[in-house]
Amino acid sequence: MPEEFDPAAMVERFRARAAAVRSRGLPPIEGPERKRFAEQAQLDYMDYAMLGDAEVALEDGILTLRVDLRPHPEASGTGQ
């Protein structure tokens, strides 16, 4: 592992990738190819966003990413 590896910078790069995927338009393709492209973009966004939200730690050469997948209370609309 290189000494200059910065786990927080890695997470930030995933945040930037998620934003890039979300803001990118669809290329001029039609039919099933367009649908496949859109589906892949959604998966890419979800993966990048999940890693971009991770808590990161590098301890004794082990990189640990913690991602809380529990629903946020405000997302459910109950406000509790």
PDB file of N, CA and C in Angstrom:
ATOM      1  N   MET A   1       0.859  -1.183   0.000  1.00  0.00           N
ATOM      2  CA  MET A   1       0.000   0.000   0.000  1.00  0.00           C
ATOM      3  C   MET A   1       0.895   1.233   0.000  1.00  0.00           C
ATOM      4  N   PRO A   2       0.708   2.128  -0.940  1.00  0.00           N
ATOM      5  CA  PRO A   2       1.531   3.345  -0.967  1.00  0.00           C
ATOM      6  C   PRO A   2       1.306   4.191   0.281  1.00  0.00           C
ATOM      7  N   GLU A   3       2.373   4.807   0.755  1.00  0.00           N
ATOM      8  CA  GLU A   3       2.291   5.672   1.939  1.00  0.00           C
ATOM      9  C   GLU A   3       1.323   6.840   1.724  1.00  0.00           C
ATOM     10  N   GLU A   4       1.202   7.300   0.491  1.00  0.00           N
ATOM     11  CA  GLU A   4       0.386   8.487   0.223  1.00  0.00           C
ATOM     12  C   GLU A   4      -1.100   8.183   0.019  1.00  0.00           C
ATOM     13  N   PHE A   5      -1.513   6.933   0.201  1.00  0.00           N
ATOM     14  CA  PHE A   5      -2.924   6.585   0.030  1.00  0.00           C
ATOM     15  C   PHE A   5      -3.767   7.330   1.054  1.00  0.00           C
ATOM     16  N   ASP A   6      -4.801   8.018   0.577  1.00  0.00           N
ATOM     17  CA  ASP A   6      -5.696   8.790   1.431  1.00  0.00           C
ATOM     18  C   ASP A   6      -7.103   8.227   1.291  1.00  0.00           C
ATOM     19  N   PRO A   7      -7.577   7.445   2.272  1.00  0.00           N
ATOM     20  CA  PRO A   7      -8.899   6.844   2.153  1.00  0.00           C
ATOM     21  C   PRO A   7     -10.019   7.879   2.035  1.00  0.00           C
ATOM     22  N   ALA A   8      -9.887   9.003   2.738  1.00  0.00           N
ATOM     23  CA  ALA A   8     -10.922  10.041   2.647  1.00  0.00           C
ATOM     24  C   ALA A   8     -10.980  10.612   1.227  1.00  0.00           C
ATOM     25  N   ALA A   9      -9.842  10.767   0.583  1.00  0.00           N
ATOM     26  CA  ALA A   9      -9.814  11.248  -0.802  1.00  0.00           C
ATOM     27  C   ALA A   9     -10.454  10.230  -1.736  1.00  0.00           C
ATOM     28  N   MET A  10     -10.257   8.948  -1.455  1.00  0.00           N
ATOM     29  CA  MET A  10     -10.884   7.909  -2.264  1.00  0.00           C
ATOM     30  C   MET A  10     -12.406   8.013  -2.186  1.00  0.00           C
ATOM     31  N   VAL A  11     -12.914   8.192  -0.972  1.00  0.00           N
ATOM     32  CA  VAL A  11     -14.361   8.333  -0.789  1.00  0.00           C
ATOM     33  C   VAL A  11     -14.862   9.569  -1.530  1.00  0.00           C
ATOM     34  N   GLU A  12     -14.108  10.653  -1.466  1.00  0.00           N
ATOM     35  CA  GLU A  12     -14.505  11.874  -2.182  1.00  0.00           C
ATOM     36  C   GLU A  12     -14.551  11.638  -3.689  1.00  0.00           C
ATOM     37  N   ARG A  13     -13.623  10.841  -4.216  1.00  0.00           N
ATOM     38  CA  ARG A  13     -13.652  10.522  -5.653  1.00  0.00           C
ATOM     39  C   ARG A  13     -14.918   9.752  -6.002  1.00  0.00           C
ATOM     40  N   PHE A  14     -15.365   8.857  -5.120  1.00  0.00           N
ATOM     41  CA  PHE A  14     -16.618   8.145  -5.380  1.00  0.00           C
ATOM     42  C   PHE A  14     -17.803   9.103  -5.359  1.00  0.00           C
ATOM     43  N   ARG A  15     -17.783  10.092  -4.458  1.00  0.00           N
ATOM     44  CA  ARG A  15     -18.858  11.100  -4.447  1.00  0.00           C
ATOM     45  C   ARG A  15     -18.891  11.863  -5.773  1.00  0.00           C
ATOM     46  N   ALA A  16     -17.705  12.227  -6.251  1.00  0.00           N
ATOM     47  CA  ALA A  16     -17.622  12.964  -7.518  1.00  0.00           C
ATOM     48  C   ALA A  16     -18.109  12.099  -8.685  1.00  0.00           C
ATOM     49  N   ARG A  17     -17.762  10.816  -8.672  1.00  0.00           N
ATOM     50  CA  ARG A  17     -18.225   9.920  -9.736  1.00  0.00           C
ATOM     51  C   ARG A  17     -19.745   9.779  -9.703  1.00  0.00           C
ATOM     52  N   ALA A  18     -20.307   9.675  -8.507  1.00  0.00           N
ATOM     53  CA  ALA A  18     -21.762   9.577  -8.394  1.00  0.00           C
ATOM     54  C   ALA A  18     -22.422  10.822  -8.988  1.00  0.00           C
ATOM     55  N   ALA A  19     -21.899  11.988  -8.655  1.00  0.00           N
ATOM     56  CA  ALA A  19     -22.458  13.231  -9.196  1.00  0.00           C
ATOM     57  C   ALA A  19     -22.315  13.279 -10.709  1.00  0.00           C
ATOM     58  N   ALA A  20     -21.191  12.812 -11.229  1.00  0.00           N
ATOM     59  CA  ALA A  20     -20.977  12.818 -12.685  1.00  0.00           C
ATOM     60  C   ALA A  20     -21.956  11.882 -13.387  1.00  0.00           C
ATOM     61  N   VAL A  21     -22.167  10.711 -12.829  1.00  0.00           N
ATOM     62  CA  VAL A  21     -23.108   9.763 -13.443  1.00  0.00           C
ATOM     63  C   VAL A  21     -24.519  10.338 -13.414  1.00  0.00           C
ATOM     64  N   ARG A  22     -24.883  10.969 -12.285  1.00  0.00           N
ATOM     65  CA  ARG A  22     -26.239  11.503 -12.131  1.00  0.00           C
ATOM     66  C   ARG A  22     -26.504  12.647 -13.112  1.00  0.00           C
ATOM     67  N   SER A  23     -25.479  13.457 -13.391  1.00  0.00           N
ATOM     68  CA  SER A  23     -25.686  14.631 -14.245  1.00  0.00           C
ATOM     69  C   SER A  23     -25.453  14.351 -15.725  1.00  0.00           C
ATOM     70  N   ARG A  24     -24.925  13.201 -16.043  1.00  0.00           N
ATOM     71  CA  ARG A  24     -24.616  12.874 -17.439  1.00  0.00           C
ATOM     72  C   ARG A  24     -25.906  12.540 -18.197  1.00  0.00           C
ATOM     73  N   GLY A  25     -25.989  13.029 -19.399  1.00  0.00           N
ATOM     74  CA  GLY A  25     -27.146  12.748 -20.239  1.00  0.00           C
ATOM     75  C   GLY A  25     -27.017  11.412 -20.957  1.00  0.00           C
ATOM     76  N   LEU A  26     -28.094  11.011 -21.582  1.00  0.00           N
ATOM     77  CA  LEU A  26     -28.078   9.778 -22.374  1.00  0.00           C
ATOM     78  C   LEU A  26     -27.507  10.068 -23.757  1.00  0.00           C
ATOM     79  N   PRO A  27     -26.683   9.192 -24.258  1.00  0.00           N
ATOM     80  CA  PRO A  27     -26.164   9.386 -25.619  1.00  0.00           C
ATOM     81  C   PRO A  27     -27.279   9.164 -26.645  1.00  0.00           C
ATOM     82  N   PRO A  28     -27.050   9.561 -27.870  1.00  0.00           N
ATOM     83  CA  PRO A  28     -28.089   9.413 -28.899  1.00  0.00           C
ATOM     84  C   PRO A  28     -28.220   7.966 -29.375  1.00  0.00           C
ATOM     85  N   ILE A  29     -28.731   7.122 -28.491  1.00  0.00           N
ATOM     86  CA  ILE A  29     -29.006   5.724 -28.843  1.00  0.00           C
ATOM     87  C   ILE A  29     -30.481   5.467 -28.621  1.00  0.00           C
ATOM     88  N   GLU A  30     -30.993   4.443 -29.266  1.00  0.00           N
ATOM     89  CA  GLU A  30     -32.428   4.176 -29.177  1.00  0.00           C
ATOM     90  C   GLU A  30     -32.698   2.726 -28.818  1.00  0.00           C
ATOM     91  N   GLY A  31     -33.945   2.474 -28.492  1.00  0.00           N
ATOM     92  CA  GLY A  31     -34.412   1.119 -28.269  1.00  0.00           C
ATOM     93  C   GLY A  31     -33.793   0.448 -27.057  1.00  0.00           C
ATOM     94  N   PRO A  32     -33.564  -0.856 -27.192  1.00  0.00           N
ATOM     95  CA  PRO A  32     -33.055  -1.632 -26.062  1.00  0.00           C
ATOM     96  C   PRO A  32     -31.698  -1.135 -25.549  1.00  0.00           C
ATOM     97  N   GLU A  33     -30.854  -0.626 -26.448  1.00  0.00           N
ATOM     98  CA  GLU A  33     -29.551  -0.118 -26.028  1.00  0.00           C
ATOM     99  C   GLU A  33     -29.713   1.080 -25.092  1.00  0.00           C
ATOM    100  N   ARG A  34     -30.671   1.944 -25.396  1.00  0.00           N
ATOM    101  CA  ARG A  34     -30.916   3.115 -24.546  1.00  0.00           C
ATOM    102  C   ARG A  34     -31.355   2.668 -23.157  1.00  0.00           C
ATOM    103  N   LYS A  35     -32.251   1.691 -23.117  1.00  0.00           N
ATOM    104  CA  LYS A  35     -32.737   1.182 -21.837  1.00  0.00           C
ATOM    105  C   LYS A  35     -31.589   0.562 -21.043  1.00  0.00           C
ATOM    106  N   ARG A  36     -30.742  -0.233 -21.691  1.00  0.00           N
ATOM    107  CA  ARG A  36     -29.606  -0.848 -21.011  1.00  0.00           C
ATOM    108  C   ARG A  36     -28.637   0.214 -20.485  1.00  0.00           C
ATOM    109  N   PHE A  37     -28.396   1.239 -21.279  1.00  0.00           N
ATOM    110  CA  PHE A  37     -27.495   2.319 -20.855  1.00  0.00           C
ATOM    111  C   PHE A  37     -28.056   3.009 -19.616  1.00  0.00           C
ATOM    112  N   ALA A  38     -29.352   3.311 -19.625  1.00  0.00           N
ATOM    113  CA  ALA A  38     -29.984   3.989 -18.489  1.00  0.00           C
ATOM    114  C   ALA A  38     -29.951   3.110 -17.242  1.00  0.00           C
ATOM    115  N   GLU A  39     -30.205   1.825 -17.401  1.00  0.00           N
ATOM    116  CA  GLU A  39     -30.165   0.907 -16.262  1.00  0.00           C
ATOM    117  C   GLU A  39     -28.759   0.819 -15.683  1.00  0.00           C
ATOM    118  N   GLN A  40     -27.758   0.758 -16.555  1.00  0.00           N
ATOM    119  CA  GLN A  40     -26.371   0.691 -16.074  1.00  0.00           C
ATOM    120  C   GLN A  40     -25.978   1.980 -15.380  1.00  0.00           C
ATOM    121  N   ALA A  41     -26.429   3.113 -15.899  1.00  0.00           N
ATOM    122  CA  ALA A  41     -26.138   4.394 -15.251  1.00  0.00           C
ATOM    123  C   ALA A  41     -26.739   4.436 -13.845  1.00  0.00           C
ATOM    124  N   GLN A  42     -27.938   3.904 -13.691  1.00  0.00           N
ATOM    125  CA  GLN A  42     -28.570   3.878 -12.365  1.00  0.00           C
ATOM    126  C   GLN A  42     -27.771   3.003 -11.407  1.00  0.00           C
ATOM    127  N   LEU A  43     -27.321   1.847 -11.872  1.00  0.00           N
ATOM    128  CA  LEU A  43     -26.508   0.972 -11.028  1.00  0.00           C
ATOM    129  C   LEU A  43     -25.173   1.628 -10.669  1.00  0.00           C
ATOM    130  N   ASP A  44     -24.545   2.271 -11.653  1.00  0.00           N
ATOM    131  CA  ASP A  44     -23.285   2.964 -11.396  1.00  0.00           C
ATOM    132  C   ASP A  44     -23.477   4.047 -10.339  1.00  0.00           C
ATOM    133  N   TYR A  45     -24.548   4.831 -10.489  1.00  0.00           N
ATOM    134  CA  TYR A  45     -24.823   5.892  -9.529  1.00  0.00           C
ATOM    135  C   TYR A  45     -24.999   5.308  -8.128  1.00  0.00           C
ATOM    136  N   MET A  46     -25.792   4.254  -8.020  1.00  0.00           N
ATOM    137  CA  MET A  46     -26.066   3.657  -6.723  1.00  0.00           C
ATOM    138  C   MET A  46     -24.765   3.156  -6.074  1.00  0.00           C
ATOM    139  N   ASP A  47     -23.933   2.485  -6.849  1.00  0.00           N
ATOM    140  CA  ASP A  47     -22.663   1.973  -6.315  1.00  0.00           C
ATOM    141  C   ASP A  47     -21.752   3.111  -5.878  1.00  0.00           C
ATOM    142  N   TYR A  48     -21.563   4.100  -6.746  1.00  0.00           N
ATOM    143  CA  TYR A  48     -20.681   5.213  -6.421  1.00  0.00           C
ATOM    144  C   TYR A  48     -21.213   6.015  -5.226  1.00  0.00           C
ATOM    145  N   ALA A  49     -22.512   6.252  -5.184  1.00  0.00           N
ATOM    146  CA  ALA A  49     -23.098   7.021  -4.089  1.00  0.00           C
ATOM    147  C   ALA A  49     -22.953   6.268  -2.767  1.00  0.00           C
ATOM    148  N   MET A  50     -23.151   4.959  -2.797  1.00  0.00           N
ATOM    149  CA  MET A  50     -23.021   4.168  -1.581  1.00  0.00           C
ATOM    150  C   MET A  50     -21.591   4.257  -1.028  1.00  0.00           C
ATOM    151  N   LEU A  51     -20.606   4.089  -1.905  1.00  0.00           N
ATOM    152  CA  LEU A  51     -19.220   4.187  -1.453  1.00  0.00           C
ATOM    153  C   LEU A  51     -18.855   5.619  -1.075  1.00  0.00           C
ATOM    154  N   GLY A  52     -19.484   6.587  -1.722  1.00  0.00           N
ATOM    155  CA  GLY A  52     -19.244   7.979  -1.378  1.00  0.00           C
ATOM    156  C   GLY A  52     -19.799   8.364  -0.022  1.00  0.00           C
ATOM    157  N   ASP A  53     -20.752   7.586   0.488  1.00  0.00           N
ATOM    158  CA  ASP A  53     -21.321   7.833   1.809  1.00  0.00           C
ATOM    159  C   ASP A  53     -20.638   7.021   2.904  1.00  0.00           C
ATOM    160  N   ALA A  54     -19.645   6.240   2.545  1.00  0.00           N
ATOM    161  CA  ALA A  54     -19.004   5.332   3.504  1.00  0.00           C
ATOM    162  C   ALA A  54     -18.167   6.082   4.529  1.00  0.00           C
ATOM    163  N   GLU A  55     -18.149   5.519   5.734  1.00  0.00           N
ATOM    164  CA  GLU A  55     -17.166   5.919   6.735  1.00  0.00           C
ATOM    165  C   GLU A  55     -15.956   5.050   6.456  1.00  0.00           C
ATOM    166  N   VAL A  56     -14.785   5.647   6.418  1.00  0.00           N
ATOM    167  CA  VAL A  56     -13.602   4.927   5.990  1.00  0.00           C
ATOM    168  C   VAL A  56     -12.533   4.947   7.072  1.00  0.00           C
ATOM    169  N   ALA A  57     -11.830   3.826   7.185  1.00  0.00           N
ATOM    170  CA  ALA A  57     -10.712   3.738   8.127  1.00  0.00           C
ATOM    171  C   ALA A  57      -9.627   2.862   7.514  1.00  0.00           C
ATOM    172  N   LEU A  58      -8.404   3.236   7.735  1.00  0.00           N
ATOM    173  CA  LEU A  58      -7.255   2.442   7.308  1.00  0.00           C
ATOM    174  C   LEU A  58      -6.433   2.158   8.555  1.00  0.00           C
ATOM    175  N   GLU A  59      -6.496   0.915   9.006  1.00  0.00           N
ATOM    176  CA  GLU A  59      -5.799   0.530  10.226  1.00  0.00           C
ATOM    177  C   GLU A  59      -4.978  -0.719   9.962  1.00  0.00           C
ATOM    178  N   ASP A  60      -3.701  -0.642  10.245  1.00  0.00           N
ATOM    179  CA  ASP A  60      -2.780  -1.774  10.057  1.00  0.00           C
ATOM    180  C   ASP A  60      -2.850  -2.346   8.650  1.00  0.00           C
ATOM    181  N   GLY A  61      -2.986  -1.467   7.667  1.00  0.00           N
ATOM    182  CA  GLY A  61      -3.016  -1.908   6.278  1.00  0.00           C
ATOM    183  C   GLY A  61      -4.348  -2.479   5.820  1.00  0.00           C
ATOM    184  N   ILE A  62      -5.378  -2.410   6.662  1.00  0.00           N
ATOM    185  CA  ILE A  62      -6.703  -2.924   6.293  1.00  0.00           C
ATOM    186  C   ILE A  62      -7.644  -1.742   6.090  1.00  0.00           C
ATOM    187  N   LEU A  63      -8.173  -1.652   4.890  1.00  0.00           N
ATOM    188  CA  LEU A  63      -9.131  -0.605   4.551  1.00  0.00           C
ATOM    189  C   LEU A  63     -10.527  -1.096   4.895  1.00  0.00           C
ATOM    190  N   THR A  64     -11.220  -0.327   5.721  1.00  0.00           N
ATOM    191  CA  THR A  64     -12.572  -0.690   6.128  1.00  0.00           C
ATOM    192  C   THR A  64     -13.528   0.404   5.682  1.00  0.00           C
ATOM    193  N   LEU A  65     -14.566   0.009   4.968  1.00  0.00           N
ATOM    194  CA  LEU A  65     -15.626   0.924   4.557  1.00  0.00           C
ATOM    195  C   LEU A  65     -16.900   0.505   5.280  1.00  0.00           C
ATOM    196  N   ARG A  66     -17.492   1.423   6.024  1.00  0.00           N
ATOM    197  CA  ARG A  66     -18.762   1.151   6.706  1.00  0.00           C
ATOM    198  C   ARG A  66     -19.849   1.942   5.990  1.00  0.00           C
ATOM    199  N   VAL A  67     -20.863   1.229   5.550  1.00  0.00           N
ATOM    200  CA  VAL A  67     -21.971   1.860   4.843  1.00  0.00           C
ATOM    201  C   VAL A  67     -23.258   1.504   5.584  1.00  0.00           C
ATOM    202  N   ASP A  68     -23.939   2.509   6.079  1.00  0.00           N
ATOM    203  CA  ASP A  68     -25.191   2.305   6.794  1.00  0.00           C
ATOM    204  C   ASP A  68     -26.323   2.228   5.770  1.00  0.00           C
ATOM    205  N   LEU A  69     -26.888   1.049   5.609  1.00  0.00           N
ATOM    206  CA  LEU A  69     -27.950   0.840   4.624  1.00  0.00           C
ATOM    207  C   LEU A  69     -29.345   0.916   5.243  1.00  0.00           C
ATOM    208  N   ARG A  70     -29.396   1.241   6.525  1.00  0.00           N
ATOM    209  CA  ARG A  70     -30.720   1.369   7.158  1.00  0.00           C
ATOM    210  C   ARG A  70     -31.420   2.616   6.619  1.00  0.00           C
ATOM    211  N   PRO A  71     -32.749   2.543   6.453  1.00  0.00           N
ATOM    212  CA  PRO A  71     -33.478   3.726   5.961  1.00  0.00           C
ATOM    213  C   PRO A  71     -33.383   4.858   6.985  1.00  0.00           C
ATOM    214  N   HIS A  72     -33.264   6.063   6.466  1.00  0.00           N
ATOM    215  CA  HIS A  72     -33.251   7.240   7.333  1.00  0.00           C
ATOM    216  C   HIS A  72     -34.676   7.549   7.744  1.00  0.00           C
ATOM    217  N   PRO A  73     -34.902   7.899   9.016  1.00  0.00           N
ATOM    218  CA  PRO A  73     -36.269   8.190   9.472  1.00  0.00           C
ATOM    219  C   PRO A  73     -36.966   9.270   8.662  1.00  0.00           C
ATOM    220  N   GLU A  74     -36.227  10.328   8.272  1.00  0.00           N
ATOM    221  CA  GLU A  74     -36.871  11.407   7.501  1.00  0.00           C
ATOM    222  C   GLU A  74     -37.293  10.944   6.116  1.00  0.00           C
ATOM    223  N   ALA A  75     -36.696   9.869   5.591  1.00  0.00           N
ATOM    224  CA  ALA A  75     -37.052   9.360   4.267  1.00  0.00           C
ATOM    225  C   ALA A  75     -38.387   8.635   4.299  1.00  0.00           C
ATOM    226  N   SER A  76     -38.788   8.138   5.461  1.00  0.00           N
ATOM    227  CA  SER A  76     -40.040   7.381   5.532  1.00  0.00           C
ATOM    228  C   SER A  76     -41.258   8.287   5.641  1.00  0.00           C
ATOM    229  N   GLY A  77     -41.015   9.568   5.961  1.00  0.00           N
ATOM    230  CA  GLY A  77     -42.131  10.504   6.047  1.00  0.00           C
ATOM    231  C   GLY A  77     -42.804  10.513   7.403  1.00  0.00           C
ATOM    232  N   THR A  78     -42.344   9.686   8.348  1.00  0.00           N
ATOM    233  CA  THR A  78     -42.973   9.649   9.665  1.00  0.00           C
ATOM    234  C   THR A  78     -42.441  10.730  10.573  1.00  0.00           C
ATOM    235  N   GLY A  79     -41.205  11.201  10.307  1.00  0.00           N
ATOM    236  CA  GLY A  79     -40.632  12.261  11.119  1.00  0.00           C
ATOM    237  C   GLY A  79     -40.185  11.795  12.490  1.00  0.00           C
ATOM    238  N   GLN A  80     -40.189  10.501  12.741  1.00  0.00           N
ATOM    239  CA  GLN A  80     -39.773   9.989  14.056  1.00  0.00           C
ATOM    240  C   GLN A  80     -38.367   9.481  14.016  1.00  0.00           C
TER     241      GLN A  80
END
